[in-house]
């Protein structure tokens, strides 16, 4: 039975995976959880009342409309924080674009190029990443030639990959990353998590607390993922078929080329042998002289005489 229906049907599974977008937003969209998560990764004390889900700028910034999964502005501390829950192959570029949109949107109402609010983007790579790093950071602050930060720009993009926890992953990150990764299993050992906000996450994602509307969105997500996988498989199969066709075509081309070369060599050989026979018929040249004149071996020349 696939994972989705095991989650929805089994009486032994208490939690729904955080890989579902609707469930991730349900948990981390709670202001207390959002601010605790941000505090541990950015060391920022946010003061917010709400977290916006699927935030968009109207009008859009640039020619591509940007949407933020979980978005909060703290005007008092002059901070924008965006948490993205990712499932895209271009996540490094995609969320850098979104981050820059949050910067550019502010400049419209600014007296110069310095935005009024600092922008931080946290990207949670639940499905893993090809680089297999626990934490990766885009730091916008300029550095001296010797690597010393100038302290001019505080904006950051942090990519968080719970699947690749390391022994030296900082403790303040570790509990969150372990909790997210643990939620992907069928059972969660809640006793090992001391943070009350993480306990609250587990309460929110309990199977019995999923609403019919949330479950419907989960079905939609699952179906979309299945369609995407089918498309990927189809593309792979088409590529395989195309590769086979190209291989056959190249093989036929090589075969014709090889056949042509063999034919030329065979024709050339026959011409030399015929020349050797004609020289024998004249009867004035030695075997060695005929071999030298035709390019045939002495043994071949002797066999032609017979």
C-alpha atoms as a PDB file:
ATOM      1  CA  UNK A   1       0.000   0.000   0.000  1.00  0.00           C
ATOM      2  CA  UNK A   2       1.426   3.430  -0.900  1.00  0.00           C
ATOM      3  CA  UNK A   3       2.457   5.910   1.784  1.00  0.00           C
ATOM      4  CA  UNK A   4      -0.447   8.297   1.328  1.00  0.00           C
ATOM      5  CA  UNK A   5      -3.156   5.704   1.834  1.00  0.00           C
ATOM      6  CA  UNK A   6      -1.231   4.077   4.672  1.00  0.00           C
ATOM      7  CA  UNK A   7      -1.282   7.425   6.417  1.00  0.00           C
ATOM      8  CA  UNK A   8      -4.959   7.949   5.831  1.00  0.00           C
ATOM      9  CA  UNK A   9      -6.133   4.407   6.549  1.00  0.00           C
ATOM     10  CA  UNK A  10      -3.914   2.823   9.204  1.00  0.00           C
ATOM     11  CA  UNK A  11      -4.961   3.010  12.865  1.00  0.00           C
ATOM     12  CA  UNK A  12      -1.315   2.615  13.877  1.00  0.00           C
ATOM     13  CA  UNK A  13      -0.084   5.816  12.263  1.00  0.00           C
ATOM     14  CA  UNK A  14      -0.741   8.895  14.374  1.00  0.00           C
ATOM     15  CA  UNK A  15       0.775  11.613  12.194  1.00  0.00           C
ATOM     16  CA  UNK A  16       0.510  12.963   8.675  1.00  0.00           C
ATOM     17  CA  UNK A  17       3.771  13.656   6.833  1.00  0.00           C
ATOM     18  CA  UNK A  18       5.016  17.235   6.772  1.00  0.00           C
ATOM     19  CA  UNK A  19       5.926  16.709   3.112  1.00  0.00           C
ATOM     20  CA  UNK A  20       2.321  17.618   2.273  1.00  0.00           C
ATOM     21  CA  UNK A  21       2.165  21.337   1.602  1.00  0.00           C
ATOM     22  CA  UNK A  22      -1.178  21.821   3.344  1.00  0.00           C
ATOM     23  CA  UNK A  23       0.069  20.078   6.508  1.00  0.00           C
ATOM     24  CA  UNK A  24       3.384  21.964   6.588  1.00  0.00           C
ATOM     25  CA  UNK A  25       1.559  25.289   6.312  1.00  0.00           C
ATOM     26  CA  UNK A  26      -0.926  24.226   8.980  1.00  0.00           C
ATOM     27  CA  UNK A  27       1.887  23.557  11.462  1.00  0.00           C
ATOM     28  CA  UNK A  28       4.410  26.290  10.674  1.00  0.00           C
ATOM     29  CA  UNK A  29       1.758  28.892   9.917  1.00  0.00           C
ATOM     30  CA  UNK A  30       1.045  29.177  13.659  1.00  0.00           C
ATOM     31  CA  UNK A  31       2.749  32.429  14.810  1.00  0.00           C
ATOM     32  CA  UNK A  32       4.281  30.846  17.939  1.00  0.00           C
ATOM     33  CA  UNK A  33       5.800  27.980  15.936  1.00  0.00           C
ATOM     34  CA  UNK A  34       6.897  30.286  13.122  1.00  0.00           C
ATOM     35  CA  UNK A  35       8.677  32.691  15.498  1.00  0.00           C
ATOM     36  CA  UNK A  36      10.364  29.860  17.449  1.00  0.00           C
ATOM     37  CA  UNK A  37      11.639  28.288  14.220  1.00  0.00           C
ATOM     38  CA  UNK A  38      12.935  31.654  12.977  1.00  0.00           C
ATOM     39  CA  UNK A  39      14.587  32.392  16.338  1.00  0.00           C
ATOM     40  CA  UNK A  40      16.586  29.152  16.276  1.00  0.00           C
ATOM     41  CA  UNK A  41      17.765  29.533  12.684  1.00  0.00           C
ATOM     42  CA  UNK A  42      18.268  33.306  12.517  1.00  0.00           C
ATOM     43  CA  UNK A  43      18.594  34.384  16.160  1.00  0.00           C
ATOM     44  CA  UNK A  44      15.871  36.978  15.582  1.00  0.00           C
ATOM     45  CA  UNK A  45      13.062  37.785  18.018  1.00  0.00           C
ATOM     46  CA  UNK A  46      10.046  38.297  15.766  1.00  0.00           C
ATOM     47  CA  UNK A  47       6.994  40.177  16.982  1.00  0.00           C
ATOM     48  CA  UNK A  48       4.094  39.139  14.723  1.00  0.00           C
ATOM     49  CA  UNK A  49       0.389  38.443  15.119  1.00  0.00           C
ATOM     50  CA  UNK A  50      -0.237  36.513  11.918  1.00  0.00           C
ATOM     51  CA  UNK A  51       1.566  34.455   9.295  1.00  0.00           C
ATOM     52  CA  UNK A  52       0.290  34.895   5.738  1.00  0.00           C
ATOM     53  CA  UNK A  53      -0.088  31.765   3.618  1.00  0.00           C
ATOM     54  CA  UNK A  54       0.490  31.911  -0.143  1.00  0.00           C
ATOM     55  CA  UNK A  55       1.365  35.603   0.036  1.00  0.00           C
ATOM     56  CA  UNK A  56       1.562  37.459  -3.304  1.00  0.00           C
ATOM     57  CA  UNK A  57       2.519  41.010  -4.219  1.00  0.00           C
ATOM     58  CA  UNK A  58      -0.138  43.021  -6.037  1.00  0.00           C
ATOM     59  CA  UNK A  59       0.935  44.275  -8.492  1.00  0.00           C
ATOM     60  CA  UNK A  60       3.594  41.598  -9.114  1.00  0.00           C
ATOM     61  CA  UNK A  61       7.273  42.503  -8.976  1.00  0.00           C
ATOM     62  CA  UNK A  62       8.742  41.974 -12.453  1.00  0.00           C
ATOM     63  CA  UNK A  63       7.300  39.757 -15.163  1.00  0.00           C
ATOM     64  CA  UNK A  64       6.935  36.634 -12.992  1.00  0.00           C
ATOM     65  CA  UNK A  65       4.406  36.664 -10.136  1.00  0.00           C
ATOM     66  CA  UNK A  66       5.934  35.527  -6.850  1.00  0.00           C
ATOM     67  CA  UNK A  67       4.121  33.498  -4.178  1.00  0.00           C
ATOM     68  CA  UNK A  68       5.436  32.924  -0.649  1.00  0.00           C
ATOM     69  CA  UNK A  69       4.351  29.790   1.240  1.00  0.00           C
ATOM     70  CA  UNK A  70       4.562  31.341   4.728  1.00  0.00           C
ATOM     71  CA  UNK A  71       5.270  35.039   5.038  1.00  0.00           C
ATOM     72  CA  UNK A  72       5.517  37.411   8.011  1.00  0.00           C
ATOM     73  CA  UNK A  73       6.532  41.050   8.412  1.00  0.00           C
ATOM     74  CA  UNK A  74       7.771  42.479  11.684  1.00  0.00           C
ATOM     75  CA  UNK A  75       7.658  46.250  11.189  1.00  0.00           C
ATOM     76  CA  UNK A  76       8.990  46.947  14.692  1.00  0.00           C
ATOM     77  CA  UNK A  77      12.148  44.892  14.173  1.00  0.00           C
ATOM     78  CA  UNK A  78      12.198  45.740  10.443  1.00  0.00           C
ATOM     79  CA  UNK A  79      12.282  42.149   9.252  1.00  0.00           C
ATOM     80  CA  UNK A  80      10.545  40.073   6.574  1.00  0.00           C
ATOM     81  CA  UNK A  81      10.828  36.298   6.942  1.00  0.00           C
ATOM     82  CA  UNK A  82       9.602  33.829   4.358  1.00  0.00           C
ATOM     83  CA  UNK A  83       9.532  30.040   4.926  1.00  0.00           C
ATOM     84  CA  UNK A  84       9.262  27.976   1.757  1.00  0.00           C
ATOM     85  CA  UNK A  85       8.323  24.307   1.595  1.00  0.00           C
ATOM     86  CA  UNK A  86       9.944  23.054  -1.576  1.00  0.00           C
ATOM     87  CA  UNK A  87       9.353  20.410  -4.252  1.00  0.00           C
ATOM     88  CA  UNK A  88      11.104  21.866  -7.286  1.00  0.00           C
ATOM     89  CA  UNK A  89      14.260  20.900  -9.193  1.00  0.00           C
ATOM     90  CA  UNK A  90      15.258  24.580  -9.533  1.00  0.00           C
ATOM     91  CA  UNK A  91      14.839  25.469  -5.841  1.00  0.00           C
ATOM     92  CA  UNK A  92      18.135  27.353  -5.516  1.00  0.00           C
ATOM     93  CA  UNK A  93      17.234  29.766  -8.320  1.00  0.00           C
ATOM     94  CA  UNK A  94      13.497  29.849  -7.630  1.00  0.00           C
ATOM     95  CA  UNK A  95      13.773  31.010  -4.026  1.00  0.00           C
ATOM     96  CA  UNK A  96      16.634  33.380  -4.748  1.00  0.00           C
ATOM     97  CA  UNK A  97      14.222  35.011  -7.225  1.00  0.00           C
ATOM     98  CA  UNK A  98      11.482  35.194  -4.568  1.00  0.00           C
ATOM     99  CA  UNK A  99      13.935  36.622  -2.056  1.00  0.00           C
ATOM    100  CA  UNK A 100      14.992  39.352  -4.480  1.00  0.00           C
ATOM    101  CA  UNK A 101      11.334  40.135  -5.239  1.00  0.00           C
ATOM    102  CA  UNK A 102      10.797  40.841  -1.520  1.00  0.00           C
ATOM    103  CA  UNK A 103      13.741  43.267  -1.661  1.00  0.00           C
ATOM    104  CA  UNK A 104      12.675  45.001  -4.869  1.00  0.00           C
ATOM    105  CA  UNK A 105       9.075  45.397  -3.697  1.00  0.00           C
ATOM    106  CA  UNK A 106      10.312  47.654  -0.885  1.00  0.00           C
ATOM    107  CA  UNK A 107      12.482  49.883  -3.064  1.00  0.00           C
ATOM    108  CA  UNK A 108       9.393  51.259  -4.805  1.00  0.00           C
ATOM    109  CA  UNK A 109       8.540  53.192  -1.618  1.00  0.00           C
ATOM    110  CA  UNK A 110      12.112  53.837  -0.491  1.00  0.00           C
ATOM    111  CA  UNK A 111      14.119  57.046  -0.802  1.00  0.00           C
ATOM    112  CA  UNK A 112      17.185  55.123  -1.995  1.00  0.00           C
ATOM    113  CA  UNK A 113      18.246  51.548  -2.812  1.00  0.00           C
ATOM    114  CA  UNK A 114      18.310  50.469   0.840  1.00  0.00           C
ATOM    115  CA  UNK A 115      15.116  48.518   1.631  1.00  0.00           C
ATOM    116  CA  UNK A 116      13.316  49.439   4.840  1.00  0.00           C
ATOM    117  CA  UNK A 117      13.129  45.832   6.045  1.00  0.00           C
ATOM    118  CA  UNK A 118      15.755  43.093   6.144  1.00  0.00           C
ATOM    119  CA  UNK A 119      14.710  39.987   4.238  1.00  0.00           C
ATOM    120  CA  UNK A 120      15.385  36.396   5.290  1.00  0.00           C
ATOM    121  CA  UNK A 121      14.226  33.327   3.380  1.00  0.00           C
ATOM    122  CA  UNK A 122      14.244  29.848   4.941  1.00  0.00           C
ATOM    123  CA  UNK A 123      13.810  27.018   2.449  1.00  0.00           C
ATOM    124  CA  UNK A 124      12.996  23.589   3.913  1.00  0.00           C
ATOM    125  CA  UNK A 125      14.136  20.867   1.491  1.00  0.00           C
ATOM    126  CA  UNK A 126      12.076  18.004   2.873  1.00  0.00           C
ATOM    127  CA  UNK A 127      12.621  15.688  -0.107  1.00  0.00           C
ATOM    128  CA  UNK A 128      16.408  16.020  -0.009  1.00  0.00           C
ATOM    129  CA  UNK A 129      18.889  17.653  -2.368  1.00  0.00           C
ATOM    130  CA  UNK A 130      21.607  16.444  -4.732  1.00  0.00           C
ATOM    131  CA  UNK A 131      24.332  18.234  -2.744  1.00  0.00           C
ATOM    132  CA  UNK A 132      23.406  16.395   0.496  1.00  0.00           C
ATOM    133  CA  UNK A 133      24.294  19.313   2.788  1.00  0.00           C
ATOM    134  CA  UNK A 134      22.440  19.896   6.075  1.00  0.00           C
ATOM    135  CA  UNK A 135      22.565  23.715   5.871  1.00  0.00           C
ATOM    136  CA  UNK A 136      23.515  25.925   2.894  1.00  0.00           C
ATOM    137  CA  UNK A 137      23.509  29.732   3.014  1.00  0.00           C
ATOM    138  CA  UNK A 138      23.453  32.575   0.494  1.00  0.00           C
ATOM    139  CA  UNK A 139      24.948  35.498   2.400  1.00  0.00           C
ATOM    140  CA  UNK A 140      24.533  38.839   0.642  1.00  0.00           C
ATOM    141  CA  UNK A 141      27.036  40.730   2.789  1.00  0.00           C
ATOM    142  CA  UNK A 142      30.129  41.795   0.799  1.00  0.00           C
ATOM    143  CA  UNK A 143      33.443  40.351   1.963  1.00  0.00           C
ATOM    144  CA  UNK A 144      36.951  41.743   1.827  1.00  0.00           C
ATOM    145  CA  UNK A 145      39.564  39.984  -0.251  1.00  0.00           C
ATOM    146  CA  UNK A 146      40.548  38.112   2.931  1.00  0.00           C
ATOM    147  CA  UNK A 147      36.968  37.001   3.575  1.00  0.00           C
ATOM    148  CA  UNK A 148      36.103  39.569   6.275  1.00  0.00           C
ATOM    149  CA  UNK A 149      32.370  40.527   6.205  1.00  0.00           C
ATOM    150  CA  UNK A 150      31.768  44.275   5.868  1.00  0.00           C
ATOM    151  CA  UNK A 151      28.500  44.220   7.825  1.00  0.00           C
ATOM    152  CA  UNK A 152      26.633  46.206   5.168  1.00  0.00           C
ATOM    153  CA  UNK A 153      23.903  43.758   4.089  1.00  0.00           C
ATOM    154  CA  UNK A 154      22.143  41.315   6.418  1.00  0.00           C
ATOM    155  CA  UNK A 155      19.803  39.590   3.944  1.00  0.00           C
ATOM    156  CA  UNK A 156      20.182  35.802   3.782  1.00  0.00           C
ATOM    157  CA  UNK A 157      18.706  32.729   2.111  1.00  0.00           C
ATOM    158  CA  UNK A 158      19.111  29.547   4.165  1.00  0.00           C
ATOM    159  CA  UNK A 159      18.475  26.122   2.652  1.00  0.00           C
ATOM    160  CA  UNK A 160      17.615  23.527   5.327  1.00  0.00           C
ATOM    161  CA  UNK A 161      17.824  19.839   4.475  1.00  0.00           C
ATOM    162  CA  UNK A 162      16.687  17.652   7.438  1.00  0.00           C
ATOM    163  CA  UNK A 163      17.604  14.433   5.626  1.00  0.00           C
ATOM    164  CA  UNK A 164      21.342  15.160   5.900  1.00  0.00           C
ATOM    165  CA  UNK A 165      21.892  15.965   9.573  1.00  0.00           C
ATOM    166  CA  UNK A 166      25.565  15.783  10.557  1.00  0.00           C
ATOM    167  CA  UNK A 167      27.327  15.212  13.876  1.00  0.00           C
ATOM    168  CA  UNK A 168      28.301  18.876  14.050  1.00  0.00           C
ATOM    169  CA  UNK A 169      24.939  20.317  12.953  1.00  0.00           C
ATOM    170  CA  UNK A 170      24.309  23.115  15.519  1.00  0.00           C
ATOM    171  CA  UNK A 171      22.043  22.039  18.365  1.00  0.00           C
ATOM    172  CA  UNK A 172      19.617  24.926  17.864  1.00  0.00           C
ATOM    173  CA  UNK A 173      18.893  23.581  14.360  1.00  0.00           C
ATOM    174  CA  UNK A 174      19.018  19.912  15.234  1.00  0.00           C
ATOM    175  CA  UNK A 175      15.720  19.432  17.087  1.00  0.00           C
ATOM    176  CA  UNK A 176      13.700  21.109  14.343  1.00  0.00           C
ATOM    177  CA  UNK A 177      15.420  19.158  11.573  1.00  0.00           C
ATOM    178  CA  UNK A 178      15.087  15.850  13.445  1.00  0.00           C
ATOM    179  CA  UNK A 179      11.411  16.561  14.123  1.00  0.00           C
ATOM    180  CA  UNK A 180      10.706  17.310  10.456  1.00  0.00           C
ATOM    181  CA  UNK A 181      12.560  14.194   9.320  1.00  0.00           C
ATOM    182  CA  UNK A 182      10.922  12.122  12.071  1.00  0.00           C
ATOM    183  CA  UNK A 183       7.480  13.165  10.853  1.00  0.00           C
ATOM    184  CA  UNK A 184       8.209  11.365   7.584  1.00  0.00           C
ATOM    185  CA  UNK A 185       8.312   8.039   9.448  1.00  0.00           C
ATOM    186  CA  UNK A 186       5.212   6.162  10.498  1.00  0.00           C
ATOM    187  CA  UNK A 187       5.760   6.871  14.198  1.00  0.00           C
ATOM    188  CA  UNK A 188       7.246   9.789  16.140  1.00  0.00           C
ATOM    189  CA  UNK A 189       9.043   9.507  19.467  1.00  0.00           C
ATOM    190  CA  UNK A 190       7.731  12.725  20.987  1.00  0.00           C
ATOM    191  CA  UNK A 191       9.582  12.230  24.275  1.00  0.00           C
ATOM    192  CA  UNK A 192      12.948  13.205  22.802  1.00  0.00           C
ATOM    193  CA  UNK A 193      11.758  16.699  21.831  1.00  0.00           C
ATOM    194  CA  UNK A 194      11.937  19.277  24.606  1.00  0.00           C
ATOM    195  CA  UNK A 195      10.799  22.392  22.767  1.00  0.00           C
ATOM    196  CA  UNK A 196       7.095  23.073  23.436  1.00  0.00           C
ATOM    197  CA  UNK A 197       6.689  24.493  19.915  1.00  0.00           C
ATOM    198  CA  UNK A 198       7.841  21.174  18.413  1.00  0.00           C
ATOM    199  CA  UNK A 199       5.376  19.333  20.640  1.00  0.00           C
ATOM    200  CA  UNK A 200       2.736  21.701  19.274  1.00  0.00           C
ATOM    201  CA  UNK A 201       3.740  20.781  15.698  1.00  0.00           C
ATOM    202  CA  UNK A 202       3.114  17.107  16.474  1.00  0.00           C
ATOM    203  CA  UNK A 203      -0.275  17.925  17.973  1.00  0.00           C
ATOM    204  CA  UNK A 204      -1.293  19.826  14.846  1.00  0.00           C
ATOM    205  CA  UNK A 205      -0.285  17.060  12.416  1.00  0.00           C
ATOM    206  CA  UNK A 206      -2.041  14.221  14.235  1.00  0.00           C
ATOM    207  CA  UNK A 207      -4.070  12.181  11.815  1.00  0.00           C
ATOM    208  CA  UNK A 208      -7.323  12.631  13.742  1.00  0.00           C
ATOM    209  CA  UNK A 209      -6.993  16.420  13.621  1.00  0.00           C
ATOM    210  CA  UNK A 210      -6.841  16.676   9.840  1.00  0.00           C
ATOM    211  CA  UNK A 211     -10.001  18.369   8.555  1.00  0.00           C
ATOM    212  CA  UNK A 212     -11.965  17.118   5.513  1.00  0.00           C
ATOM    213  CA  UNK A 213     -10.811  20.200   3.589  1.00  0.00           C
ATOM    214  CA  UNK A 214      -7.159  19.524   4.425  1.00  0.00           C
ATOM    215  CA  UNK A 215      -7.557  15.888   3.488  1.00  0.00           C
ATOM    216  CA  UNK A 216      -9.033  16.890   0.121  1.00  0.00           C
ATOM    217  CA  UNK A 217      -5.996  19.100  -0.519  1.00  0.00           C
ATOM    218  CA  UNK A 218      -3.741  16.182   0.414  1.00  0.00           C
ATOM    219  CA  UNK A 219      -5.518  14.010  -2.153  1.00  0.00           C
ATOM    220  CA  UNK A 220      -4.993  16.752  -4.752  1.00  0.00           C
ATOM    221  CA  UNK A 221      -1.302  17.010  -3.871  1.00  0.00           C
ATOM    222  CA  UNK A 222      -0.880  13.265  -4.056  1.00  0.00           C
ATOM    223  CA  UNK A 223      -2.645  13.096  -7.427  1.00  0.00           C
ATOM    224  CA  UNK A 224      -0.537  15.937  -8.832  1.00  0.00           C
ATOM    225  CA  UNK A 225       2.630  14.219  -7.631  1.00  0.00           C
ATOM    226  CA  UNK A 226       1.488  10.953  -9.235  1.00  0.00           C
ATOM    227  CA  UNK A 227       0.783  12.739 -12.541  1.00  0.00           C
ATOM    228  CA  UNK A 228       4.214  14.384 -12.372  1.00  0.00           C
ATOM    229  CA  UNK A 229       5.900  11.025 -11.772  1.00  0.00           C
ATOM    230  CA  UNK A 230       3.965   9.509 -14.697  1.00  0.00           C
ATOM    231  CA  UNK A 231       5.153  12.342 -16.942  1.00  0.00           C
ATOM    232  CA  UNK A 232       8.740  11.881 -15.787  1.00  0.00           C
ATOM    233  CA  UNK A 233       8.504   8.130 -16.448  1.00  0.00           C
ATOM    234  CA  UNK A 234       7.005   8.767 -19.892  1.00  0.00           C
ATOM    235  CA  UNK A 235       9.791  11.208 -20.741  1.00  0.00           C
ATOM    236  CA  UNK A 236      12.371   8.641 -19.619  1.00  0.00           C
ATOM    237  CA  UNK A 237      10.757   5.919 -21.726  1.00  0.00           C
ATOM    238  CA  UNK A 238      10.537   8.222 -24.749  1.00  0.00           C
ATOM    239  CA  UNK A 239      14.169   9.192 -24.268  1.00  0.00           C
ATOM    240  CA  UNK A 240      15.090   5.506 -24.020  1.00  0.00           C
ATOM    241  CA  UNK A 241      13.163   4.699 -27.229  1.00  0.00           C
ATOM    242  CA  UNK A 242      14.714   7.669 -28.983  1.00  0.00           C
ATOM    243  CA  UNK A 243      18.145   6.571 -27.800  1.00  0.00           C
ATOM    244  CA  UNK A 244      17.487   3.067 -29.145  1.00  0.00           C
ATOM    245  CA  UNK A 245      16.408   4.480 -32.502  1.00  0.00           C
ATOM    246  CA  UNK A 246      19.479   6.685 -32.644  1.00  0.00           C
ATOM    247  CA  UNK A 247      21.613   3.712 -31.700  1.00  0.00           C
ATOM    248  CA  UNK A 248      20.143   1.598 -34.490  1.00  0.00           C
ATOM    249  CA  UNK A 249      20.541   4.449 -36.937  1.00  0.00           C
ATOM    250  CA  UNK A 250      24.168   4.963 -35.945  1.00  0.00           C
ATOM    251  CA  UNK A 251      24.755   1.203 -36.044  1.00  0.00           C
ATOM    252  CA  UNK A 252      23.330   0.992 -39.579  1.00  0.00           C
ATOM    253  CA  UNK A 253      25.421   3.965 -40.642  1.00  0.00           C
ATOM    254  CA  UNK A 254      28.554   2.403 -39.152  1.00  0.00           C
ATOM    255  CA  UNK A 255      27.678  -0.934 -40.748  1.00  0.00           C
ATOM    256  CA  UNK A 256      27.312   0.646 -44.188  1.00  0.00           C
ATOM    257  CA  UNK A 257      30.547   2.543 -43.738  1.00  0.00           C
ATOM    258  CA  UNK A 258      32.355  -0.605 -42.621  1.00  0.00           C
ATOM    259  CA  UNK A 259      30.845  -2.568 -45.499  1.00  0.00           C
ATOM    260  CA  UNK A 260      31.931   0.092 -47.951  1.00  0.00           C
ATOM    261  CA  UNK A 261      35.471   0.062 -46.586  1.00  0.00           C
ATOM    262  CA  UNK A 262      35.593  -3.736 -46.726  1.00  0.00           C
ATOM    263  CA  UNK A 263      34.278  -3.666 -50.302  1.00  0.00           C
ATOM    264  CA  UNK A 264      36.926  -1.172 -51.379  1.00  0.00           C
ATOM    265  CA  UNK A 265      39.663  -3.202 -49.745  1.00  0.00           C
ATOM    266  CA  UNK A 266      38.406  -6.380 -51.376  1.00  0.00           C
ATOM    267  CA  UNK A 267      38.235  -4.693 -54.802  1.00  0.00           C
ATOM    268  CA  UNK A 268      41.711  -3.301 -54.372  1.00  0.00           C
ATOM    269  CA  UNK A 269      43.024  -6.732 -53.410  1.00  0.00           C
ATOM    270  CA  UNK A 270      41.471  -8.335 -56.481  1.00  0.00           C
ATOM    271  CA  UNK A 271      42.981  -5.642 -58.717  1.00  0.00           C
ATOM    272  CA  UNK A 272      46.448  -6.314 -57.308  1.00  0.00           C
ATOM    273  CA  UNK A 273      46.059 -10.052 -57.784  1.00  0.00           C
ATOM    274  CA  UNK A 274      44.951  -9.535 -61.384  1.00  0.00           C
ATOM    275  CA  UNK A 275      47.978  -7.311 -62.011  1.00  0.00           C
ATOM    276  CA  UNK A 276      50.230 -10.003 -60.552  1.00  0.00           C
ATOM    277  CA  UNK A 277      48.737 -12.636 -62.897  1.00  0.00           C
ATOM    278  CA  UNK A 278      49.278 -10.385 -65.902  1.00  0.00           C
ATOM    279  CA  UNK A 279      52.894  -9.829 -64.915  1.00  0.00           C
ATOM    280  CA  UNK A 280      53.371 -13.606 -64.573  1.00  0.00           C
ATOM    281  CA  UNK A 281      51.991 -14.077 -68.070  1.00  0.00           C
ATOM    282  CA  UNK A 282      54.599 -11.716 -69.507  1.00  0.00           C
ATOM    283  CA  UNK A 283      57.294 -13.877 -67.919  1.00  0.00           C
ATOM    284  CA  UNK A 284      60.091 -11.310 -67.549  1.00  0.00           C
ATOM    285  CA  UNK A 285      59.842 -10.410 -63.819  1.00  0.00           C
ATOM    286  CA  UNK A 286      60.904 -12.422 -60.808  1.00  0.00           C
ATOM    287  CA  UNK A 287      58.557 -13.269 -57.924  1.00  0.00           C
ATOM    288  CA  UNK A 288      60.208 -10.633 -55.749  1.00  0.00           C
ATOM    289  CA  UNK A 289      59.816  -7.956 -58.428  1.00  0.00           C
ATOM    290  CA  UNK A 290      56.109  -8.774 -58.937  1.00  0.00           C
ATOM    291  CA  UNK A 291      55.510  -8.651 -55.168  1.00  0.00           C
ATOM    292  CA  UNK A 292      57.192  -5.249 -54.970  1.00  0.00           C
ATOM    293  CA  UNK A 293      55.273  -3.906 -57.975  1.00  0.00           C
ATOM    294  CA  UNK A 294      51.807  -5.022 -56.782  1.00  0.00           C
ATOM    295  CA  UNK A 295      52.236  -4.601 -53.027  1.00  0.00           C
ATOM    296  CA  UNK A 296      51.342  -8.270 -52.455  1.00  0.00           C
ATOM    297  CA  UNK A 297      53.260 -10.594 -50.195  1.00  0.00           C
ATOM    298  CA  UNK A 298      55.770 -12.973 -51.746  1.00  0.00           C
ATOM    299  CA  UNK A 299      53.680 -15.957 -50.569  1.00  0.00           C
ATOM    300  CA  UNK A 300      50.570 -14.534 -52.275  1.00  0.00           C
ATOM    301  CA  UNK A 301      52.490 -13.959 -55.515  1.00  0.00           C
ATOM    302  CA  UNK A 302      53.733 -17.580 -55.471  1.00  0.00           C
ATOM    303  CA  UNK A 303      50.177 -18.878 -54.878  1.00  0.00           C
ATOM    304  CA  UNK A 304      48.897 -16.877 -57.869  1.00  0.00           C
ATOM    305  CA  UNK A 305      51.561 -18.470 -60.089  1.00  0.00           C
ATOM    306  CA  UNK A 306      50.108 -21.879 -59.248  1.00  0.00           C
END
